Amino acid sequence: MSLDSVFKELRDLNLQVPKTQRLPTEDEVAIAEKQLEIHFHPDYRRFLLEASDVVVPTLETARVTLPPSRLYLVNIAKDAWAKMRVPRDLLPICEDNADYYCINIDGEVVFWSHNGISNERWKDLATWIKEVWIDKG
Protein backbone atom coordinates (compact mmCIF):
# COMPACT_ATOMS: atom_id res chain seq x y z
CA MET A 1 0.00 0.00 0.00
CA SER A 2 1.48 3.34 -0.99
CA LEU A 3 0.78 6.92 -0.07
CA ASP A 4 -0.03 7.59 -3.72
CA SER A 5 -2.79 4.95 -3.74
CA VAL A 6 -4.39 6.06 -0.46
CA PHE A 7 -4.18 9.73 -1.44
CA LYS A 8 -6.06 8.84 -4.63
CA GLU A 9 -8.73 6.99 -2.62
CA LEU A 10 -9.07 9.94 -0.26
CA ARG A 11 -9.51 12.31 -3.20
CA ASP A 12 -12.23 10.03 -4.59
CA LEU A 13 -14.06 10.19 -1.23
CA ASN A 14 -13.54 13.93 -0.71
CA LEU A 15 -16.78 15.71 0.14
CA GLN A 16 -17.72 18.99 -1.41
CA VAL A 17 -18.24 21.35 1.51
CA PRO A 18 -19.36 24.98 1.59
CA LYS A 19 -16.01 26.18 2.92
CA THR A 20 -13.34 24.20 1.12
CA GLN A 21 -10.07 23.37 2.81
CA ARG A 22 -6.73 24.20 1.28
CA LEU A 23 -3.35 22.58 1.36
CA PRO A 24 -0.70 24.27 3.49
CA THR A 25 2.37 25.91 2.09
CA GLU A 26 5.88 24.66 2.82
CA ASP A 27 6.23 27.70 5.08
CA GLU A 28 3.14 26.76 7.12
CA VAL A 29 4.47 23.24 7.60
CA ALA A 30 7.85 24.63 8.66
CA ILE A 31 6.18 27.03 11.11
CA ALA A 32 4.27 24.15 12.72
CA GLU A 33 7.48 22.12 13.03
CA LYS A 34 9.23 25.08 14.63
CA GLN A 35 6.38 25.73 17.06
CA LEU A 36 6.31 22.06 18.06
CA GLU A 37 10.11 21.79 18.09
CA ILE A 38 10.10 18.63 15.97
CA HIS A 39 10.64 17.47 12.40
CA PHE A 40 7.68 15.68 10.86
CA HIS A 41 8.14 12.18 9.53
CA PRO A 42 8.53 12.41 5.70
CA ASP A 43 5.25 10.52 5.12
CA TYR A 44 3.35 12.90 7.40
CA ARG A 45 4.96 15.95 5.80
CA ARG A 46 3.91 14.61 2.41
CA PHE A 47 0.35 14.02 3.67
CA LEU A 48 0.14 17.59 4.95
CA LEU A 49 1.35 19.04 1.65
CA GLU A 50 -0.63 16.76 -0.68
CA ALA A 51 -3.79 15.49 0.99
CA SER A 52 -4.58 17.30 4.24
CA ASP A 53 -7.31 19.32 2.53
CA VAL A 54 -9.49 16.23 2.04
CA VAL A 55 -12.80 16.09 3.90
CA VAL A 56 -13.98 12.56 4.65
CA PRO A 57 -16.67 12.41 7.35
CA THR A 58 -15.29 9.50 9.38
CA LEU A 59 -12.35 11.45 10.83
CA GLU A 60 -10.96 14.95 10.68
CA THR A 61 -7.19 15.03 10.78
CA ALA A 62 -5.15 17.87 12.20
CA ARG A 63 -4.23 20.70 9.85
CA VAL A 64 -1.47 23.28 9.69
CA THR A 65 -3.25 25.85 7.56
CA LEU A 66 -3.80 29.23 9.09
CA PRO A 67 -5.71 30.76 10.74
CA PRO A 68 -5.71 28.20 13.54
CA SER A 69 -8.93 26.33 14.16
CA ARG A 70 -10.02 23.49 16.42
CA LEU A 71 -8.16 21.20 14.01
CA TYR A 72 -4.90 23.16 14.22
CA LEU A 73 -2.10 20.62 14.68
CA VAL A 74 -0.01 22.81 16.98
CA ASN A 75 -2.89 23.28 19.46
CA ILE A 76 -3.95 19.63 19.31
CA ALA A 77 -0.40 18.39 19.95
CA LYS A 78 0.34 20.83 22.77
CA ASP A 79 -2.96 20.00 24.49
CA ALA A 80 -2.43 16.26 24.09
CA TRP A 81 1.11 16.45 25.47
CA ALA A 82 0.16 18.70 28.41
CA LYS A 83 -3.35 17.64 29.37
CA MET A 84 -3.60 14.03 28.22
CA ARG A 85 0.01 13.07 28.96
CA VAL A 86 0.65 11.81 25.46
CA PRO A 87 4.42 11.19 25.32
CA ARG A 88 6.38 13.90 23.54
CA ASP A 89 7.80 11.35 21.06
CA LEU A 90 4.28 10.79 19.69
CA LEU A 91 2.79 13.47 17.43
CA PRO A 92 -1.03 13.51 17.60
CA ILE A 93 -2.25 13.74 14.01
CA CYS A 94 -5.93 13.11 14.63
CA GLU A 95 -8.12 13.61 17.70
CA ASP A 96 -11.06 11.26 18.14
CA ASN A 97 -13.25 11.86 21.23
CA ALA A 98 -10.33 12.74 23.55
CA ASP A 99 -8.26 9.89 22.10
CA TYR A 100 -5.49 10.39 19.58
CA TYR A 101 -3.95 8.73 16.58
CA CYS A 102 -0.25 9.60 16.75
CA ILE A 103 2.73 9.13 14.49
CA ASN A 104 6.09 8.23 15.97
CA ILE A 105 9.59 8.97 14.74
CA ASP A 106 9.65 5.72 12.73
CA GLY A 107 6.43 6.60 10.87
CA GLU A 108 4.31 4.05 12.75
CA VAL A 109 0.84 5.24 13.76
CA VAL A 110 -0.28 4.35 17.27
CA PHE A 111 -3.55 4.88 19.10
CA TRP A 112 -3.41 6.78 22.39
CA SER A 113 -6.52 6.35 24.49
CA HIS A 114 -7.41 8.70 27.31
CA ASN A 115 -6.48 5.66 29.44
CA GLY A 116 -2.97 5.58 27.92
CA ILE A 117 -1.24 3.84 25.07
CA SER A 118 -3.09 0.94 23.50
CA ASN A 119 -1.90 -2.01 21.45
CA GLU A 120 -3.54 -0.60 18.32
CA ARG A 121 -0.89 0.36 15.79
CA TRP A 122 -0.34 0.55 12.07
CA LYS A 123 3.03 0.04 10.41
CA ASP A 124 2.86 3.32 8.50
CA LEU A 125 0.67 6.28 7.65
CA ALA A 126 -0.60 4.76 4.40
CA THR A 127 -1.85 1.67 6.25
CA TRP A 128 -3.56 3.82 8.90
CA ILE A 129 -5.24 6.01 6.26
CA LYS A 130 -6.54 2.93 4.42
CA GLU A 131 -7.62 0.81 7.39
CA VAL A 132 -8.92 3.47 9.77
CA TRP A 133 -9.91 6.49 7.73
CA ILE A 134 -11.05 4.96 4.44
CA ASP A 135 -12.24 1.41 5.22
CA LYS A 136 -14.01 2.18 8.51
CA GLY A 137 -15.92 5.01 6.87
C-alpha atoms as a PDB file:
ATOM      1  CA  MET A   1       0.000   0.000   0.000  1.00  0.00           C
ATOM      2  CA  SER A   2       1.479   3.339  -0.993  1.00  0.00           C
ATOM      3  CA  LEU A   3       0.779   6.922  -0.067  1.00  0.00           C
ATOM      4  CA  ASP A   4      -0.035   7.592  -3.722  1.00  0.00           C
ATOM      5  CA  SER A   5      -2.787   4.954  -3.739  1.00  0.00           C
ATOM      6  CA  VAL A   6      -4.389   6.062  -0.464  1.00  0.00           C
ATOM      7  CA  PHE A   7      -4.184   9.728  -1.443  1.00  0.00           C
ATOM      8  CA  LYS A   8      -6.061   8.840  -4.630  1.00  0.00           C
ATOM      9  CA  GLU A   9      -8.728   6.989  -2.624  1.00  0.00           C
ATOM     10  CA  LEU A  10      -9.074   9.939  -0.261  1.00  0.00           C
ATOM     11  CA  ARG A  11      -9.505  12.315  -3.197  1.00  0.00           C
ATOM     12  CA  ASP A  12     -12.228  10.029  -4.591  1.00  0.00           C
ATOM     13  CA  LEU A  13     -14.057  10.188  -1.227  1.00  0.00           C
ATOM     14  CA  ASN A  14     -13.539  13.928  -0.706  1.00  0.00           C
ATOM     15  CA  LEU A  15     -16.777  15.712   0.139  1.00  0.00           C
ATOM     16  CA  GLN A  16     -17.722  18.990  -1.414  1.00  0.00           C
ATOM     17  CA  VAL A  17     -18.236  21.349   1.510  1.00  0.00           C
ATOM     18  CA  PRO A  18     -19.360  24.984   1.593  1.00  0.00           C
ATOM     19  CA  LYS A  19     -16.007  26.177   2.922  1.00  0.00           C
ATOM     20  CA  THR A  20     -13.339  24.201   1.125  1.00  0.00           C
ATOM     21  CA  GLN A  21     -10.074  23.370   2.807  1.00  0.00           C
ATOM     22  CA  ARG A  22      -6.727  24.202   1.278  1.00  0.00           C
ATOM     23  CA  LEU A  23      -3.355  22.575   1.363  1.00  0.00           C
ATOM     24  CA  PRO A  24      -0.699  24.268   3.489  1.00  0.00           C
ATOM     25  CA  THR A  25       2.373  25.914   2.087  1.00  0.00           C
ATOM     26  CA  GLU A  26       5.880  24.659   2.820  1.00  0.00           C
ATOM     27  CA  ASP A  27       6.227  27.699   5.084  1.00  0.00           C
ATOM     28  CA  GLU A  28       3.140  26.765   7.116  1.00  0.00           C
ATOM     29  CA  VAL A  29       4.467  23.239   7.600  1.00  0.00           C
ATOM     30  CA  ALA A  30       7.849  24.631   8.660  1.00  0.00           C
ATOM     31  CA  ILE A  31       6.180  27.033  11.106  1.00  0.00           C
ATOM     32  CA  ALA A  32       4.274  24.150  12.718  1.00  0.00           C
ATOM     33  CA  GLU A  33       7.483  22.123  13.031  1.00  0.00           C
ATOM     34  CA  LYS A  34       9.229  25.077  14.634  1.00  0.00           C
ATOM     35  CA  GLN A  35       6.375  25.731  17.064  1.00  0.00           C
ATOM     36  CA  LEU A  36       6.307  22.059  18.063  1.00  0.00           C
ATOM     37  CA  GLU A  37      10.113  21.789  18.086  1.00  0.00           C
ATOM     38  CA  ILE A  38      10.100  18.627  15.966  1.00  0.00           C
ATOM     39  CA  HIS A  39      10.641  17.473  12.395  1.00  0.00           C
ATOM     40  CA  PHE A  40       7.684  15.684  10.860  1.00  0.00           C
ATOM     41  CA  HIS A  41       8.144  12.178   9.528  1.00  0.00           C
ATOM     42  CA  PRO A  42       8.531  12.413   5.705  1.00  0.00           C
ATOM     43  CA  ASP A  43       5.250  10.518   5.123  1.00  0.00           C
ATOM     44  CA  TYR A  44       3.352  12.899   7.402  1.00  0.00           C
ATOM     45  CA  ARG A  45       4.961  15.945   5.802  1.00  0.00           C
ATOM     46  CA  ARG A  46       3.906  14.610   2.413  1.00  0.00           C
ATOM     47  CA  PHE A  47       0.354  14.021   3.674  1.00  0.00           C
ATOM     48  CA  LEU A  48       0.139  17.586   4.952  1.00  0.00           C
ATOM     49  CA  LEU A  49       1.348  19.036   1.654  1.00  0.00           C
ATOM     50  CA  GLU A  50      -0.627  16.756  -0.683  1.00  0.00           C
ATOM     51  CA  ALA A  51      -3.794  15.486   0.993  1.00  0.00           C
ATOM     52  CA  SER A  52      -4.585  17.298   4.245  1.00  0.00           C
ATOM     53  CA  ASP A  53      -7.309  19.320   2.531  1.00  0.00           C
ATOM     54  CA  VAL A  54      -9.490  16.234   2.036  1.00  0.00           C
ATOM     55  CA  VAL A  55     -12.801  16.094   3.904  1.00  0.00           C
ATOM     56  CA  VAL A  56     -13.980  12.563   4.651  1.00  0.00           C
ATOM     57  CA  PRO A  57     -16.671  12.412   7.353  1.00  0.00           C
ATOM     58  CA  THR A  58     -15.288   9.497   9.380  1.00  0.00           C
ATOM     59  CA  LEU A  59     -12.349  11.451  10.831  1.00  0.00           C
ATOM     60  CA  GLU A  60     -10.962  14.954  10.684  1.00  0.00           C
ATOM     61  CA  THR A  61      -7.195  15.032  10.776  1.00  0.00           C
ATOM     62  CA  ALA A  62      -5.146  17.867  12.202  1.00  0.00           C
ATOM     63  CA  ARG A  63      -4.229  20.704   9.854  1.00  0.00           C
ATOM     64  CA  VAL A  64      -1.470  23.284   9.695  1.00  0.00           C
ATOM     65  CA  THR A  65      -3.253  25.849   7.564  1.00  0.00           C
ATOM     66  CA  LEU A  66      -3.796  29.231   9.090  1.00  0.00           C
ATOM     67  CA  PRO A  67      -5.707  30.755  10.742  1.00  0.00           C
ATOM     68  CA  PRO A  68      -5.706  28.196  13.536  1.00  0.00           C
ATOM     69  CA  SER A  69      -8.927  26.334  14.157  1.00  0.00           C
ATOM     70  CA  ARG A  70     -10.015  23.489  16.422  1.00  0.00           C
ATOM     71  CA  LEU A  71      -8.160  21.202  14.007  1.00  0.00           C
ATOM     72  CA  TYR A  72      -4.900  23.160  14.220  1.00  0.00           C
ATOM     73  CA  LEU A  73      -2.103  20.623  14.685  1.00  0.00           C
ATOM     74  CA  VAL A  74      -0.014  22.809  16.983  1.00  0.00           C
ATOM     75  CA  ASN A  75      -2.886  23.277  19.456  1.00  0.00           C
ATOM     76  CA  ILE A  76      -3.945  19.626  19.306  1.00  0.00           C
ATOM     77  CA  ALA A  77      -0.396  18.395  19.948  1.00  0.00           C
ATOM     78  CA  LYS A  78       0.335  20.833  22.767  1.00  0.00           C
ATOM     79  CA  ASP A  79      -2.964  20.001  24.491  1.00  0.00           C
ATOM     80  CA  ALA A  80      -2.426  16.255  24.088  1.00  0.00           C
ATOM     81  CA  TRP A  81       1.107  16.445  25.467  1.00  0.00           C
ATOM     82  CA  ALA A  82       0.165  18.700  28.408  1.00  0.00           C
ATOM     83  CA  LYS A  83      -3.347  17.636  29.367  1.00  0.00           C
ATOM     84  CA  MET A  84      -3.602  14.026  28.222  1.00  0.00           C
ATOM     85  CA  ARG A  85       0.008  13.068  28.963  1.00  0.00           C
ATOM     86  CA  VAL A  86       0.648  11.814  25.460  1.00  0.00           C
ATOM     87  CA  PRO A  87       4.417  11.193  25.322  1.00  0.00           C
ATOM     88  CA  ARG A  88       6.376  13.902  23.536  1.00  0.00           C
ATOM     89  CA  ASP A  89       7.797  11.355  21.063  1.00  0.00           C
ATOM     90  CA  LEU A  90       4.282  10.790  19.689  1.00  0.00           C
ATOM     91  CA  LEU A  91       2.790  13.467  17.433  1.00  0.00           C
ATOM     92  CA  PRO A  92      -1.025  13.512  17.602  1.00  0.00           C
ATOM     93  CA  ILE A  93      -2.246  13.739  14.005  1.00  0.00           C
ATOM     94  CA  CYS A  94      -5.935  13.114  14.634  1.00  0.00           C
ATOM     95  CA  GLU A  95      -8.120  13.610  17.695  1.00  0.00           C
ATOM     96  CA  ASP A  96     -11.065  11.264  18.139  1.00  0.00           C
ATOM     97  CA  ASN A  97     -13.252  11.855  21.230  1.00  0.00           C
ATOM     98  CA  ALA A  98     -10.330  12.743  23.546  1.00  0.00           C
ATOM     99  CA  ASP A  99      -8.262   9.895  22.099  1.00  0.00           C
ATOM    100  CA  TYR A 100      -5.488  10.391  19.579  1.00  0.00           C
ATOM    101  CA  TYR A 101      -3.945   8.732  16.578  1.00  0.00           C
ATOM    102  CA  CYS A 102      -0.250   9.598  16.748  1.00  0.00           C
ATOM    103  CA  ILE A 103       2.733   9.127  14.488  1.00  0.00           C
ATOM    104  CA  ASN A 104       6.094   8.230  15.965  1.00  0.00           C
ATOM    105  CA  ILE A 105       9.592   8.970  14.738  1.00  0.00           C
ATOM    106  CA  ASP A 106       9.654   5.716  12.726  1.00  0.00           C
ATOM    107  CA  GLY A 107       6.428   6.595  10.874  1.00  0.00           C
ATOM    108  CA  GLU A 108       4.310   4.048  12.746  1.00  0.00           C
ATOM    109  CA  VAL A 109       0.843   5.241  13.757  1.00  0.00           C
ATOM    110  CA  VAL A 110      -0.279   4.345  17.275  1.00  0.00           C
ATOM    111  CA  PHE A 111      -3.555   4.877  19.103  1.00  0.00           C
ATOM    112  CA  TRP A 112      -3.410   6.783  22.385  1.00  0.00           C
ATOM    113  CA  SER A 113      -6.515   6.349  24.495  1.00  0.00           C
ATOM    114  CA  HIS A 114      -7.411   8.703  27.314  1.00  0.00           C
ATOM    115  CA  ASN A 115      -6.477   5.660  29.438  1.00  0.00           C
ATOM    116  CA  GLY A 116      -2.965   5.582  27.921  1.00  0.00           C
ATOM    117  CA  ILE A 117      -1.244   3.838  25.069  1.00  0.00           C
ATOM    118  CA  SER A 118      -3.089   0.943  23.501  1.00  0.00           C
ATOM    119  CA  ASN A 119      -1.902  -2.013  21.455  1.00  0.00           C
ATOM    120  CA  GLU A 120      -3.542  -0.600  18.322  1.00  0.00           C
ATOM    121  CA  ARG A 121      -0.894   0.357  15.793  1.00  0.00           C
ATOM    122  CA  TRP A 122      -0.337   0.546  12.069  1.00  0.00           C
ATOM    123  CA  LYS A 123       3.031   0.041  10.405  1.00  0.00           C
ATOM    124  CA  ASP A 124       2.862   3.324   8.499  1.00  0.00           C
ATOM    125  CA  LEU A 125       0.672   6.281   7.648  1.00  0.00           C
ATOM    126  CA  ALA A 126      -0.604   4.758   4.400  1.00  0.00           C
ATOM    127  CA  THR A 127      -1.853   1.668   6.248  1.00  0.00           C
ATOM    128  CA  TRP A 128      -3.562   3.823   8.900  1.00  0.00           C
ATOM    129  CA  ILE A 129      -5.242   6.009   6.257  1.00  0.00           C
ATOM    130  CA  LYS A 130      -6.540   2.934   4.421  1.00  0.00           C
ATOM    131  CA  GLU A 131      -7.619   0.809   7.392  1.00  0.00           C
ATOM    132  CA  VAL A 132      -8.923   3.474   9.772  1.00  0.00           C
ATOM    133  CA  TRP A 133      -9.913   6.493   7.730  1.00  0.00           C
ATOM    134  CA  ILE A 134     -11.049   4.957   4.442  1.00  0.00           C
ATOM    135  CA  ASP A 135     -12.242   1.413   5.224  1.00  0.00           C
ATOM    136  CA  LYS A 136     -14.011   2.184   8.510  1.00  0.00           C
ATOM    137  CA  GLY A 137     -15.919   5.014   6.875  1.00  0.00           C
END
